[in-house]
Amino acid sequence: MLHGVVLCGGQSRRMGTPKALLPWRGGNLLGHAVRRLAGAGLAPLCAGPRGWADGLPCDVIADDPPGAGPLGGICAVLARGGCFVLAVDTPLLTPDEIRRLVLAGDGRPDVLLPVVEGRPQPLATLWPGDLLPDLRRYLGDGGRSVLGFLARRPTLALDEAALEGMGVDPRHLQGMNDPQSYQALLAEGEGGPTP
């Protein structure tokens, strides 16, 4: 079974509090992300502090290497094979949309890279397992940028029109970085179905 990993170990400096623990639909963002991955038919994993996932149906993995930002969590999961990467701060992306992104990327030699409003969204896509050796080299050389790493790999950009054609709402791929963007997403997400 393909893994889905929730990346939630960031320091959330602009938010002022860990994003994973922010309230969302009667729980928190981390629990919501785990449920969406499971609802998409993926085996959920959490790359973040161990105690945050207590009581959730997912294994917690340690970043490998530690201190490498999102790439540390991605590297740890790729050691288990390909994975769908989901940033914890994209709560509007539905299980059906996750499934569509997985199916679009499955078996491809390149990485599908959603692009919304001209900004790549590398933390909501399928990462093939064969990226692991190159990712380990990149990290060993001191690289820490997700987009810097992907610039070294073949990618296929999916713009808004392509995403909509797949049945993925491009707005659902945008994350939040500060209290204002959280409040805006909270207001938008209030009326949506709970996966």
Protein backbone atom coordinates (compact mmCIF):
# COMPACT_ATOMS: atom_id res chain seq x y z
CA MET A 1 0.00 0.00 0.00
CA LEU A 2 1.23 3.47 -0.86
CA HIS A 3 2.06 5.70 2.10
CA GLY A 4 0.76 9.20 2.60
CA VAL A 5 2.90 11.37 4.84
CA VAL A 6 1.74 14.44 6.71
CA LEU A 7 4.58 16.91 7.08
CA CYS A 8 4.03 18.73 10.35
CA GLY A 9 7.39 19.26 11.99
CA GLY A 10 7.96 22.86 10.94
CA GLN A 11 8.58 25.62 13.44
CA SER A 12 5.57 27.70 12.30
CA ARG A 13 7.36 30.97 13.11
CA ARG A 14 4.92 33.19 11.21
CA MET A 15 1.91 31.36 12.63
CA GLY A 16 3.23 31.66 16.19
CA THR A 17 2.01 28.18 17.14
CA PRO A 18 2.41 24.68 15.63
CA LYS A 19 0.09 24.45 12.62
CA ALA A 20 -0.53 20.74 13.21
CA LEU A 21 -2.24 21.49 16.51
CA LEU A 22 -4.51 24.29 15.27
CA PRO A 23 -8.23 23.53 15.74
CA TRP A 24 -10.08 22.21 12.72
CA ARG A 25 -13.60 20.71 12.59
CA GLY A 26 -13.69 19.41 16.13
CA GLY A 27 -10.08 18.19 16.14
CA ASN A 28 -6.83 19.60 14.85
CA LEU A 29 -5.16 19.95 11.46
CA LEU A 30 -2.95 16.89 11.96
CA GLY A 31 -5.89 14.58 12.71
CA HIS A 32 -7.78 16.04 9.76
CA ALA A 33 -4.83 15.36 7.43
CA VAL A 34 -4.43 11.77 8.67
CA ARG A 35 -8.15 11.09 8.09
CA ARG A 36 -7.98 12.53 4.56
CA LEU A 37 -4.98 10.37 3.64
CA ALA A 38 -6.72 7.26 4.98
CA GLY A 39 -9.89 8.29 3.15
CA ALA A 40 -7.87 8.42 -0.06
CA GLY A 41 -6.78 4.80 0.48
CA LEU A 42 -3.24 5.61 1.63
CA ALA A 43 -1.38 4.32 4.70
CA PRO A 44 -0.92 7.49 6.79
CA LEU A 45 2.40 8.44 8.36
CA CYS A 46 3.29 11.54 10.34
CA ALA A 47 6.65 13.27 10.03
CA GLY A 48 6.75 15.42 13.12
CA PRO A 49 7.03 15.32 16.89
CA ARG A 50 6.03 11.95 18.29
CA GLY A 51 3.52 13.17 20.88
CA TRP A 52 1.45 15.13 18.39
CA ALA A 53 0.05 12.00 16.74
CA ASP A 54 -0.99 10.26 19.96
CA GLY A 55 -4.35 8.59 19.41
CA LEU A 56 -4.23 8.93 15.64
CA PRO A 57 -4.21 5.92 13.29
CA CYS A 58 -0.74 6.56 11.90
CA ASP A 59 2.88 5.75 12.54
CA VAL A 60 5.25 8.58 13.40
CA ILE A 61 8.57 8.72 11.60
CA ALA A 62 11.61 10.74 12.52
CA ASP A 63 13.17 13.03 9.95
CA ASP A 64 16.19 11.44 8.30
CA PRO A 65 18.38 13.41 8.53
CA PRO A 66 17.10 15.54 11.42
CA GLY A 67 17.07 19.29 10.85
CA ALA A 68 16.60 18.99 7.08
CA GLY A 69 13.16 20.60 7.05
CA PRO A 70 10.44 18.95 4.93
CA LEU A 71 13.04 16.99 2.96
CA GLY A 72 14.05 15.12 6.13
CA GLY A 73 10.52 13.77 6.52
CA ILE A 74 10.22 13.00 2.81
CA CYS A 75 13.56 11.18 2.82
CA ALA A 76 12.49 9.05 5.80
CA VAL A 77 9.29 8.00 4.04
CA LEU A 78 10.92 7.37 0.66
CA ALA A 79 13.03 4.72 2.41
CA ARG A 80 9.72 2.80 2.56
CA GLY A 81 8.90 3.46 -1.12
CA GLY A 82 7.00 6.13 -3.01
CA CYS A 83 4.66 8.37 -1.06
CA PHE A 84 2.08 11.08 -1.36
CA VAL A 85 3.33 14.13 0.52
CA LEU A 86 0.76 16.35 2.22
CA ALA A 87 1.58 19.52 4.11
CA VAL A 88 -0.50 19.75 7.27
CA ASP A 89 -1.60 23.27 6.34
CA THR A 90 -3.67 22.31 3.27
CA PRO A 91 -6.93 21.32 5.00
CA LEU A 92 -9.26 21.92 2.04
CA LEU A 93 -7.72 19.22 -0.18
CA THR A 94 -10.25 16.37 -0.15
CA PRO A 95 -9.60 12.61 -0.13
CA ASP A 96 -10.99 12.42 -3.67
CA GLU A 97 -8.60 15.15 -4.84
CA ILE A 98 -5.69 13.35 -3.16
CA ARG A 99 -6.72 10.14 -4.97
CA ARG A 100 -6.79 12.00 -8.29
CA LEU A 101 -3.30 13.43 -7.72
CA VAL A 102 -1.97 9.98 -6.78
CA LEU A 103 -3.49 8.36 -9.87
CA ALA A 104 -2.10 11.10 -12.13
CA GLY A 105 1.42 10.61 -10.74
CA ASP A 106 1.46 6.84 -10.34
CA GLY A 107 4.06 5.14 -12.50
CA ARG A 108 5.45 8.37 -13.93
CA PRO A 109 9.22 8.85 -14.11
CA ASP A 110 8.83 12.55 -13.32
CA VAL A 111 7.24 14.38 -10.41
CA LEU A 112 3.90 16.06 -10.98
CA LEU A 113 4.25 19.56 -9.61
CA PRO A 114 1.00 21.46 -9.04
CA VAL A 115 1.42 25.18 -9.71
CA VAL A 116 -1.14 27.62 -8.30
CA GLU A 117 -1.01 31.34 -9.07
CA GLY A 118 2.49 30.80 -10.44
CA ARG A 119 3.74 29.15 -7.24
CA PRO A 120 4.82 25.49 -7.22
CA GLN A 121 3.12 23.33 -4.56
CA PRO A 122 5.59 20.45 -3.98
CA LEU A 123 4.06 19.44 -0.64
CA ALA A 124 0.84 18.06 -2.10
CA THR A 125 1.99 15.53 -4.67
CA LEU A 126 3.26 12.02 -5.27
CA TRP A 127 7.00 11.47 -4.79
CA PRO A 128 8.35 8.33 -6.56
CA GLY A 129 10.54 6.06 -4.43
CA ASP A 130 13.36 6.19 -6.95
CA LEU A 131 14.06 9.77 -5.84
CA LEU A 132 15.66 8.48 -2.62
CA PRO A 133 19.31 8.06 -3.74
CA ASP A 134 19.42 11.51 -5.36
CA LEU A 135 17.65 13.07 -2.36
CA ARG A 136 20.19 11.53 0.05
CA ARG A 137 23.03 12.96 -2.06
CA TYR A 138 21.36 16.38 -2.16
CA LEU A 139 20.90 16.38 1.63
CA GLY A 140 24.45 15.11 2.15
CA ASP A 141 25.70 18.08 0.12
CA GLY A 142 23.81 20.42 2.46
CA GLY A 143 20.76 21.03 0.26
CA ARG A 144 17.56 21.86 2.15
CA SER A 145 15.23 23.43 -0.43
CA VAL A 146 12.36 21.29 -1.68
CA LEU A 147 12.15 23.26 -4.93
CA GLY A 148 15.96 23.27 -5.20
CA PHE A 149 15.91 19.49 -5.10
CA LEU A 150 13.06 19.18 -7.59
CA ALA A 151 14.88 21.54 -9.98
CA ARG A 152 17.40 18.69 -10.39
CA ARG A 153 14.68 16.20 -11.36
CA PRO A 154 12.27 15.90 -14.29
CA THR A 155 8.97 17.47 -13.30
CA LEU A 156 5.68 18.02 -15.06
CA ALA A 157 3.98 21.24 -13.99
CA LEU A 158 0.22 21.11 -13.53
CA ASP A 159 -1.26 24.59 -13.82
CA GLU A 160 -4.72 25.57 -12.61
CA ALA A 161 -6.42 24.48 -15.84
CA ALA A 162 -4.76 21.05 -15.72
CA LEU A 163 -5.68 20.63 -12.06
CA GLU A 164 -9.29 21.61 -12.68
CA GLY A 165 -9.39 19.18 -15.61
CA MET A 166 -8.37 16.43 -13.17
CA GLY A 167 -11.09 17.44 -10.72
CA VAL A 168 -8.73 19.15 -8.26
CA ASP A 169 -9.63 22.64 -7.04
CA PRO A 170 -6.35 24.61 -7.22
CA ARG A 171 -7.32 26.68 -4.16
CA HIS A 172 -7.25 23.50 -2.09
CA LEU A 173 -3.49 23.19 -2.63
CA GLN A 174 -2.63 26.51 -1.03
CA GLY A 175 -1.41 26.43 2.54
CA MET A 176 -1.38 28.96 5.33
CA ASN A 177 1.50 30.66 7.04
CA ASP A 178 0.02 33.22 9.41
CA PRO A 179 -3.03 33.72 11.63
CA GLN A 180 -4.85 35.71 8.93
CA SER A 181 -4.53 32.97 6.30
CA TYR A 182 -5.60 30.39 8.91
CA GLN A 183 -8.72 32.41 9.72
CA ALA A 184 -9.52 32.72 6.01
CA LEU A 185 -9.16 28.96 5.48
CA LEU A 186 -11.15 28.26 8.63
CA ALA A 187 -14.00 30.41 7.33
CA GLU A 188 -13.88 28.71 3.91
CA GLY A 189 -13.63 25.21 5.41
CA GLU A 190 -16.52 25.62 7.87
CA GLY A 191 -19.17 24.76 5.32
CA GLY A 192 -17.35 21.88 3.62
CA PRO A 193 -17.88 18.18 4.26
CA THR A 194 -15.75 16.44 6.84
CA PRO A 195 -13.83 13.59 5.21
